[in-house]
Amino acid sequence: MTSRIRGADLFEVDLPFHHAFRHAAAERATSSSLFVRLMTDDGHCGYGEALPRTYVTGEARETAFDLLATRVLPRLLGTTFTSFPEVQQFLTDCDGRAPAAWVDPAVPQVAAWTAIDLALLDVFGRAFAVELQAGLPAGLPGTAVAPAVEAGWPRGLRYSLVLSGEGGARSVVSLLKARAYGLDDVKVKVDRHSEAGVRLARRVLGQHARIRVDSNMAWSRADARAAMPRLARQGVESFEQPLAAGDVEGLARLSAETGLAIVADESFHDRSSLARLIAAGACGAVNVRIAKCGGLVAALARCCEALGAGLRLHVGCLVGETSQLSAAQLVLVQTLGGGIDHLEGCFGERLLRTDPVRPRLQFRRGGLPPLPPRGPGFGTTVEMDAILRHCGRRAAFGQPIPAVAPRPEIRESREGA
């Protein structure tokens, strides 16, 4: 069987939040995302999502849109695959970036490529009848996990709360909701001067709660050396990105001087950045987000490399992700089967006013994962009317794609909706 890409659409999308989300590096009230829709010559549609963030991968949404529109999607038209393993091998060879003949590898592009990676997996998963929720098929470079890890949902792994840095009454309400919902694992966003969120989380959630902090690069080395031991005495377990993204040497010194657990986030997004962290001994864990690593296939490869180097994993998300990226995250966790200490994401319409993807993939009571969707590809359906309602720029390539694509069978949990 042969399947070929015959059409592609690209959309700038601003899905509004219920409330603005703030941390030390940014504040936003919409998703500020990109969506890619691909169609094959046999009529299958697949979708990819990207959330370019300049402070994470160096990509603004405008430049990512232009890169996809001028250099990537025109070259993708006519691409043919004869099997799903062939698609997977192509993405493995790309390693989170467009082929070098399409885009100079030095150009920031891993966020943009995420949308392509997900759309290719989705559309050819449908074309070749592969259900990705069972985990990515093994047997290719980047899909072999550590020998002690078995594929499947890791025992005891639950979703955690991420507390915005705005503080005040809104944080109290969020924590009270989390307590009522049975969440006892929280990451608190802190800035240079405010640690009140940690005290508030401890007071509301109790002494048994697991608390981490994320300063999103807000601290200087002196700030971090002063704050980290003080917060550790309040039971904070780990410290995410305490220093600027490029200060790998500072992270290594901070780790050695304090002996406390450091998690790299903005310092890590591709193979070379991970290699620098490992070589420097700069952290004990990395925050892996599909949307900053160049897609699902590249994120899985980075997870395997990190585990092989003795690092632990925090699997996270970017603020504003829809259930399309959540579906990909479920595949990542299922494929890994272990090595993950903390899990963030699957917020759906708890954050977004409208999630255009069905089923809505939202964590359940106690942080339990959502029931995975059924069907080929990611098993999701994207409601294009919702995309178009919140769409800015758009571009189309190749043959026009019908407004209504075939809908797979889906299963949606009502618990906690």
Protein backbone atom coordinates (compact mmCIF):
# COMPACT_ATOMS: atom_id res chain seq x y z
CA MET A 1 0.00 0.00 0.00
CA THR A 2 1.23 3.51 -0.84
CA SER A 3 -0.11 6.74 0.68
CA ARG A 4 0.85 10.26 -0.41
CA ILE A 5 0.31 13.74 1.02
CA ARG A 6 -1.87 15.72 -1.39
CA GLY A 7 -2.95 18.73 0.67
CA ALA A 8 -1.97 20.78 3.73
CA ASP A 9 -3.44 23.65 5.74
CA LEU A 10 -1.69 25.89 8.27
CA PHE A 11 -3.47 28.01 10.90
CA GLU A 12 -2.44 30.58 13.50
CA VAL A 13 -4.80 29.99 16.42
CA ASP A 14 -5.46 31.93 19.64
CA LEU A 15 -7.59 29.79 21.93
CA PRO A 16 -8.60 31.90 24.96
CA PHE A 17 -7.94 30.82 28.54
CA HIS A 18 -10.41 31.09 31.40
CA HIS A 19 -7.78 33.19 33.21
CA ALA A 20 -4.37 34.54 32.23
CA PHE A 21 -1.44 32.34 33.24
CA ARG A 22 1.70 34.04 34.50
CA HIS A 23 5.24 32.98 35.34
CA ALA A 24 8.57 34.78 35.47
CA ALA A 25 9.28 34.38 31.73
CA ALA A 26 5.88 35.25 30.27
CA GLU A 27 2.22 35.99 30.80
CA ARG A 28 -0.43 34.90 28.33
CA ALA A 29 -4.20 34.71 28.04
CA THR A 30 -4.42 32.65 24.83
CA SER A 31 -2.70 29.58 23.43
CA SER A 32 -0.78 31.46 20.70
CA SER A 33 -0.47 28.21 18.75
CA LEU A 34 -0.18 26.77 15.25
CA PHE A 35 -2.20 23.92 13.76
CA VAL A 36 -1.27 21.85 10.71
CA ARG A 37 -3.76 19.69 8.83
CA LEU A 38 -2.55 17.11 6.30
CA MET A 39 -4.58 15.01 3.88
CA THR A 40 -3.48 11.95 1.91
CA ASP A 41 -4.57 11.00 -1.59
CA ASP A 42 -6.81 8.30 -0.08
CA GLY A 43 -8.72 10.91 1.96
CA HIS A 44 -7.25 10.53 5.45
CA CYS A 45 -6.77 13.69 7.55
CA GLY A 46 -4.28 14.17 10.38
CA TYR A 47 -3.50 17.07 12.69
CA GLY A 48 -0.47 18.54 14.39
CA GLU A 49 -0.10 21.32 16.95
CA ALA A 50 2.77 23.61 17.92
CA LEU A 51 3.23 26.34 20.54
CA PRO A 52 6.33 28.35 19.60
CA ARG A 53 7.87 30.19 22.55
CA THR A 54 10.87 32.46 22.02
CA TYR A 55 12.18 31.91 25.56
CA VAL A 56 12.11 28.12 25.09
CA THR A 57 13.28 27.32 21.54
CA GLY A 58 13.99 30.77 20.09
CA GLU A 59 10.95 30.64 17.79
CA ALA A 60 8.23 33.26 17.62
CA ARG A 61 4.90 32.10 16.25
CA GLU A 62 5.20 34.44 13.25
CA THR A 63 8.59 33.06 12.22
CA ALA A 64 7.47 29.47 12.80
CA PHE A 65 4.43 30.08 10.58
CA ASP A 66 6.62 31.57 7.85
CA LEU A 67 9.09 28.69 8.06
CA LEU A 68 6.34 26.10 7.68
CA ALA A 69 4.62 28.06 4.91
CA THR A 70 7.69 28.76 2.78
CA ARG A 71 10.17 25.96 3.46
CA VAL A 72 8.43 22.91 4.90
CA LEU A 73 4.85 22.36 3.78
CA PRO A 74 5.55 22.98 0.04
CA ARG A 75 8.30 20.32 0.23
CA LEU A 76 6.08 17.92 2.15
CA LEU A 77 3.46 17.83 -0.62
CA GLY A 78 3.78 14.66 -2.65
CA THR A 79 5.76 12.83 0.04
CA THR A 80 4.93 9.13 -0.19
CA PHE A 81 5.21 6.33 2.36
CA THR A 82 4.49 2.63 1.93
CA SER A 83 4.24 1.66 5.63
CA PHE A 84 3.99 3.21 9.08
CA PRO A 85 7.52 2.07 10.07
CA GLU A 86 8.76 4.05 7.06
CA VAL A 87 7.07 7.18 8.46
CA GLN A 88 8.59 6.52 11.85
CA GLN A 89 12.04 6.03 10.33
CA PHE A 90 11.73 9.33 8.45
CA LEU A 91 10.88 11.16 11.68
CA THR A 92 13.66 9.37 13.54
CA ASP A 93 16.16 10.48 10.92
CA CYS A 94 14.83 14.06 11.13
CA ASP A 95 15.35 14.02 14.93
CA GLY A 96 13.08 16.96 15.64
CA ARG A 97 14.10 19.10 12.65
CA ALA A 98 13.19 19.39 8.99
CA PRO A 99 15.51 17.60 6.55
CA ALA A 100 18.67 19.66 6.04
CA ALA A 101 17.85 20.03 2.34
CA TRP A 102 14.67 21.86 3.33
CA VAL A 103 15.86 24.05 6.23
CA ASP A 104 19.34 24.90 7.51
CA PRO A 105 19.71 22.85 10.75
CA ALA A 106 21.04 25.96 12.53
CA VAL A 107 17.68 27.73 12.10
CA PRO A 108 15.47 27.45 15.23
CA GLN A 109 12.68 25.09 14.19
CA VAL A 110 11.91 22.35 16.73
CA ALA A 111 8.61 23.93 17.76
CA ALA A 112 7.51 24.28 14.14
CA TRP A 113 8.58 20.71 13.36
CA THR A 114 6.47 19.44 16.27
CA ALA A 115 3.32 20.24 14.29
CA ILE A 116 4.68 18.30 11.29
CA ASP A 117 5.76 15.31 13.39
CA LEU A 118 2.34 14.98 15.04
CA ALA A 119 0.42 15.53 11.79
CA LEU A 120 2.47 12.87 9.97
CA LEU A 121 2.01 10.33 12.77
CA ASP A 122 -1.70 11.07 12.89
CA VAL A 123 -2.46 11.02 9.17
CA PHE A 124 -0.37 7.96 8.33
CA GLY A 125 -1.49 6.20 11.49
CA ARG A 126 -4.97 6.52 10.00
CA ALA A 127 -3.83 5.58 6.50
CA PHE A 128 -2.04 2.42 7.71
CA ALA A 129 -4.55 1.62 10.51
CA VAL A 130 -2.05 2.02 13.38
CA GLU A 131 -3.50 2.93 16.80
CA LEU A 132 -0.83 5.02 18.48
CA GLN A 133 -2.40 4.88 21.95
CA ALA A 134 -0.93 1.39 22.31
CA GLY A 135 2.50 3.05 22.21
CA LEU A 136 4.85 3.80 19.34
CA PRO A 137 5.89 0.60 17.55
CA ALA A 138 9.32 -0.50 18.79
CA GLY A 139 12.28 -1.61 16.74
CA LEU A 140 13.60 1.69 15.41
CA PRO A 141 16.37 3.93 16.78
CA GLY A 142 14.98 6.16 19.50
CA THR A 143 12.15 3.79 20.45
CA ALA A 144 14.10 1.32 22.57
CA VAL A 145 13.65 2.30 26.21
CA ALA A 146 15.80 1.25 29.13
CA PRO A 147 15.84 -2.56 29.61
CA ALA A 148 14.26 -2.31 33.06
CA VAL A 149 11.29 -0.34 31.72
CA GLU A 150 8.21 -2.02 30.28
CA ALA A 151 5.77 -0.24 28.02
CA GLY A 152 2.44 0.64 29.62
CA TRP A 153 1.16 3.25 32.05
CA PRO A 154 3.68 3.55 34.93
CA ARG A 155 2.25 2.27 38.19
CA GLY A 156 1.30 5.10 40.53
CA LEU A 157 1.99 7.90 38.04
CA ARG A 158 -0.54 10.71 38.38
CA TYR A 159 -0.98 14.18 36.93
CA SER A 160 0.05 17.16 39.04
CA LEU A 161 -1.15 20.74 39.40
CA VAL A 162 0.85 23.68 38.03
CA LEU A 163 0.17 26.82 40.05
CA SER A 164 0.44 30.11 38.17
CA GLY A 165 2.60 32.82 39.65
CA GLU A 166 -0.10 35.47 40.05
CA GLY A 167 -0.72 34.57 43.72
CA GLY A 168 -3.57 35.97 45.77
CA ALA A 169 -7.15 34.79 45.90
CA ARG A 170 -6.97 32.98 42.55
CA SER A 171 -4.17 30.73 43.84
CA VAL A 172 -6.19 29.97 46.98
CA VAL A 173 -9.17 28.95 44.85
CA SER A 174 -6.97 26.77 42.59
CA LEU A 175 -5.43 25.01 45.59
CA LEU A 176 -8.79 24.43 47.27
CA LYS A 177 -10.10 22.91 44.03
CA ALA A 178 -6.98 20.74 43.80
CA ARG A 179 -7.45 19.51 47.37
CA ALA A 180 -11.12 18.71 46.74
CA TYR A 181 -10.15 16.90 43.55
CA GLY A 182 -7.54 14.76 45.30
CA LEU A 183 -4.41 16.34 43.80
CA ASP A 184 -1.45 16.35 46.16
CA ASP A 185 1.43 17.00 43.73
CA VAL A 186 1.98 20.65 42.75
CA LYS A 187 4.57 22.73 40.93
CA VAL A 188 4.57 26.33 42.10
CA LYS A 189 5.77 29.11 39.81
CA VAL A 190 7.97 31.56 41.72
CA ASP A 191 9.80 34.73 40.75
CA ARG A 192 12.83 36.45 42.20
CA HIS A 193 11.09 37.83 45.24
CA SER A 194 7.99 35.76 45.93
CA GLU A 195 8.00 32.46 47.77
CA ALA A 196 4.54 32.96 49.25
CA GLY A 197 3.05 30.43 46.83
CA VAL A 198 5.04 27.63 48.45
CA ARG A 199 3.82 28.50 51.93
CA LEU A 200 0.27 28.80 50.62
CA ALA A 201 0.42 25.42 48.86
CA ARG A 202 1.74 23.74 52.01
CA ARG A 203 -0.93 25.34 54.16
CA VAL A 204 -3.82 24.36 51.86
CA LEU A 205 -2.65 20.93 50.66
CA GLY A 206 -1.07 19.78 53.92
CA GLN A 207 2.22 18.28 54.99
CA HIS A 208 1.83 15.17 52.83
CA ALA A 209 1.75 17.17 49.56
CA ARG A 210 4.66 16.96 47.14
CA ILE A 211 5.82 20.45 46.18
CA ARG A 212 8.26 21.57 43.48
CA VAL A 213 9.15 25.08 42.38
CA ASP A 214 9.87 26.53 38.95
CA SER A 215 11.49 29.95 38.73
CA ASN A 216 11.54 30.00 34.90
CA MET A 217 15.10 31.43 34.84
CA ALA A 218 14.21 34.31 37.21
CA TRP A 219 16.98 33.75 39.76
CA SER A 220 20.60 34.83 39.69
CA ARG A 221 23.17 32.41 41.07
CA ALA A 222 23.15 34.33 44.36
CA ASP A 223 19.34 34.29 44.46
CA ALA A 224 19.29 30.55 43.89
CA ARG A 225 21.96 29.74 46.47
CA ALA A 226 19.96 31.69 49.06
CA ALA A 227 16.47 30.53 48.11
CA MET A 228 16.94 26.84 47.42
CA PRO A 229 18.06 25.67 50.90
CA ARG A 230 15.40 27.84 52.50
CA LEU A 231 12.68 26.32 50.32
CA ALA A 232 14.06 22.83 50.81
CA ARG A 233 13.49 23.25 54.55
CA GLN A 234 9.81 23.83 53.68
CA GLY A 235 9.72 20.46 51.95
CA VAL A 236 10.30 21.54 48.32
CA GLU A 237 11.56 18.45 46.47
CA SER A 238 13.10 19.94 43.33
CA PHE A 239 13.97 23.20 41.61
CA GLU A 240 13.16 23.66 37.94
CA GLN A 241 15.29 25.97 35.80
CA PRO A 242 16.63 28.18 38.62
CA LEU A 243 19.07 29.98 36.27
CA ALA A 244 19.13 31.36 32.73
CA ALA A 245 18.84 28.76 29.98
CA GLY A 246 22.39 29.23 28.74
CA ASP A 247 24.04 29.06 32.18
CA VAL A 248 24.76 25.32 32.15
CA GLU A 249 27.98 25.84 34.11
CA GLY A 250 26.01 27.74 36.76
CA LEU A 251 23.48 24.90 37.02
CA ALA A 252 26.33 22.41 37.52
CA ARG A 253 27.92 24.55 40.25
CA LEU A 254 24.57 25.11 41.93
CA SER A 255 23.87 21.39 41.92
CA ALA A 256 27.27 20.61 43.45
CA GLU A 257 27.11 23.40 46.04
CA THR A 258 23.58 22.78 47.30
CA GLY A 259 23.21 19.03 46.77
CA LEU A 260 19.57 19.73 45.86
CA ALA A 261 17.58 18.32 42.94
CA ILE A 262 17.72 20.55 39.84
CA VAL A 263 15.46 20.02 36.83
CA ALA A 264 16.44 21.51 33.46
CA ASP A 265 13.63 22.91 31.33
CA GLU A 266 14.44 25.94 29.17
CA SER A 267 18.07 24.71 29.05
CA PHE A 268 16.91 21.58 27.22
CA HIS A 269 15.04 21.07 23.96
CA ASP A 270 17.17 19.05 21.52
CA ARG A 271 19.94 16.45 21.34
CA SER A 272 22.84 18.89 21.64
CA SER A 273 21.36 20.80 24.59
CA LEU A 274 20.74 17.54 26.43
CA ALA A 275 24.31 16.41 25.71
CA ARG A 276 25.67 19.65 27.24
CA LEU A 277 23.62 19.15 30.40
CA ILE A 278 24.76 15.55 30.76
CA ALA A 279 28.43 16.38 30.14
CA ALA A 280 28.36 19.17 32.73
CA GLY A 281 26.46 17.18 35.36
CA ALA A 282 24.12 20.16 35.49
CA CYS A 283 20.91 18.47 36.63
CA GLY A 284 19.35 15.31 37.98
CA ALA A 285 16.26 15.45 35.78
CA VAL A 286 14.92 17.10 32.64
CA ASN A 287 11.46 18.39 31.84
CA VAL A 288 10.48 16.77 28.53
CA ARG A 289 7.75 18.58 26.61
CA ILE A 290 6.82 17.21 23.21
CA ALA A 291 6.09 20.71 21.93
CA LYS A 292 9.64 21.94 22.60
CA CYS A 293 11.52 18.78 21.55
CA GLY A 294 10.51 18.62 17.89
CA GLY A 295 7.61 16.22 18.26
CA LEU A 296 6.77 12.84 19.72
CA VAL A 297 9.49 10.81 18.01
CA ALA A 298 12.29 13.21 18.98
CA ALA A 299 10.90 13.59 22.53
CA LEU A 300 10.98 9.82 22.95
CA ALA A 301 14.59 9.74 21.76
CA ARG A 302 15.55 12.45 24.27
CA CYS A 303 13.81 10.50 27.05
CA CYS A 304 15.80 7.40 26.20
CA GLU A 305 19.08 9.35 26.12
CA ALA A 306 18.31 11.02 29.45
CA LEU A 307 17.41 7.72 31.12
CA GLY A 308 20.56 6.13 29.69
CA ALA A 309 22.62 8.89 31.32
CA GLY A 310 21.00 8.28 34.71
CA LEU A 311 18.65 11.28 34.64
CA ARG A 312 15.04 11.18 35.72
CA LEU A 313 12.14 12.53 33.69
CA HIS A 314 9.49 15.13 34.34
CA VAL A 315 7.04 14.97 31.44
CA GLY A 316 5.42 18.36 31.05
CA CYS A 317 3.41 20.53 28.67
CA LEU A 318 3.38 24.09 27.40
CA VAL A 319 0.60 26.35 28.63
CA GLY A 320 -2.28 26.25 26.15
CA GLU A 321 -1.90 22.77 24.68
CA THR A 322 -5.08 21.18 23.36
CA SER A 323 -6.06 17.52 23.58
CA GLN A 324 -4.13 16.83 20.35
CA LEU A 325 -0.82 17.30 22.15
CA SER A 326 -2.28 15.59 25.20
CA ALA A 327 -3.04 12.54 23.04
CA ALA A 328 0.60 12.52 21.93
CA GLN A 329 1.72 12.81 25.56
CA LEU A 330 -0.34 9.75 26.50
CA VAL A 331 1.45 7.84 23.73
CA LEU A 332 4.84 9.00 25.03
CA VAL A 333 4.11 7.87 28.59
CA GLN A 334 2.68 4.53 27.40
CA THR A 335 5.74 3.90 25.23
CA LEU A 336 8.20 4.77 28.00
CA GLY A 337 6.42 2.87 30.74
CA GLY A 338 8.68 4.27 33.50
CA GLY A 339 11.45 6.65 34.52
CA ILE A 340 8.96 9.48 35.07
CA ASP A 341 8.82 11.21 38.46
CA HIS A 342 6.24 13.89 37.69
CA LEU A 343 3.64 14.42 34.99
CA GLU A 344 1.93 17.66 33.92
CA GLY A 345 -0.65 18.27 31.21
CA CYS A 346 -4.09 17.10 30.06
CA PHE A 347 -5.64 20.35 31.28
CA GLY A 348 -8.08 20.67 28.36
CA GLU A 349 -10.97 22.95 29.20
CA ARG A 350 -9.82 23.40 32.77
CA LEU A 351 -7.54 26.02 31.19
CA LEU A 352 -8.93 26.59 27.68
CA ARG A 353 -12.36 28.08 27.21
CA THR A 354 -12.66 25.90 24.12
CA ASP A 355 -10.67 22.79 23.35
CA PRO A 356 -11.29 22.06 19.64
CA VAL A 357 -10.20 18.43 19.95
CA ARG A 358 -12.41 15.48 20.82
CA PRO A 359 -12.37 13.61 23.06
CA ARG A 360 -11.34 16.16 25.66
CA LEU A 361 -8.32 14.61 27.35
CA GLN A 362 -8.40 15.91 30.92
CA PHE A 363 -6.90 14.26 33.97
CA ARG A 364 -9.43 12.69 36.29
CA ARG A 365 -9.99 12.77 40.03
CA GLY A 366 -6.82 12.13 42.00
CA GLY A 367 -4.70 12.99 38.95
CA LEU A 368 -5.58 9.77 37.14
CA PRO A 369 -4.93 9.95 33.39
CA PRO A 370 -7.85 10.35 30.99
CA LEU A 371 -9.14 7.32 29.17
CA PRO A 372 -7.16 7.17 25.92
CA PRO A 373 -9.07 7.76 22.69
CA ARG A 374 -9.71 4.82 20.41
CA GLY A 375 -9.01 4.69 16.70
CA PRO A 376 -6.14 4.90 14.22
CA GLY A 377 -3.59 7.67 14.51
CA PHE A 378 -4.08 9.55 17.77
CA GLY A 379 -7.78 8.62 17.75
CA THR A 380 -8.86 12.25 18.01
CA THR A 381 -11.13 14.51 15.99
CA VAL A 382 -10.42 18.21 15.49
CA GLU A 383 -13.47 20.43 15.18
CA MET A 384 -12.47 22.83 12.43
CA ASP A 385 -15.24 25.32 13.16
CA ALA A 386 -13.59 25.98 16.55
CA ILE A 387 -10.18 26.38 14.90
CA LEU A 388 -11.57 28.81 12.33
CA ARG A 389 -13.38 30.85 15.00
CA HIS A 390 -10.05 31.61 16.67
CA CYS A 391 -7.89 31.68 13.56
CA GLY A 392 -5.67 34.54 12.40
CA ARG A 393 -3.36 33.90 9.48
CA ARG A 394 -3.88 30.76 7.44
CA ALA A 395 -2.34 29.18 4.34
CA ALA A 396 -3.29 26.26 2.09
CA PHE A 397 -1.11 24.01 -0.06
CA GLY A 398 -1.87 21.45 -2.74
CA GLN A 399 -5.37 20.12 -3.24
CA PRO A 400 -8.10 21.71 -1.09
CA ILE A 401 -9.06 19.75 2.01
CA PRO A 402 -12.80 19.27 2.64
CA ALA A 403 -14.17 21.21 5.60
CA VAL A 404 -15.41 18.01 7.25
CA ALA A 405 -12.91 15.17 7.57
CA PRO A 406 -13.80 11.53 8.33
CA ARG A 407 -14.45 11.07 12.07
CA PRO A 408 -12.87 8.11 13.87
CA GLU A 409 -14.66 6.22 16.61
CA ILE A 410 -13.81 7.98 19.87
CA ARG A 411 -14.34 7.24 23.54
CA GLU A 412 -14.63 10.04 26.05
CA SER A 413 -14.71 9.78 29.83
CA ARG A 414 -17.37 11.85 31.59
CA GLU A 415 -15.69 11.59 34.98
CA GLY A 416 -14.53 14.95 36.22
CA ALA A 417 -15.73 16.76 33.11
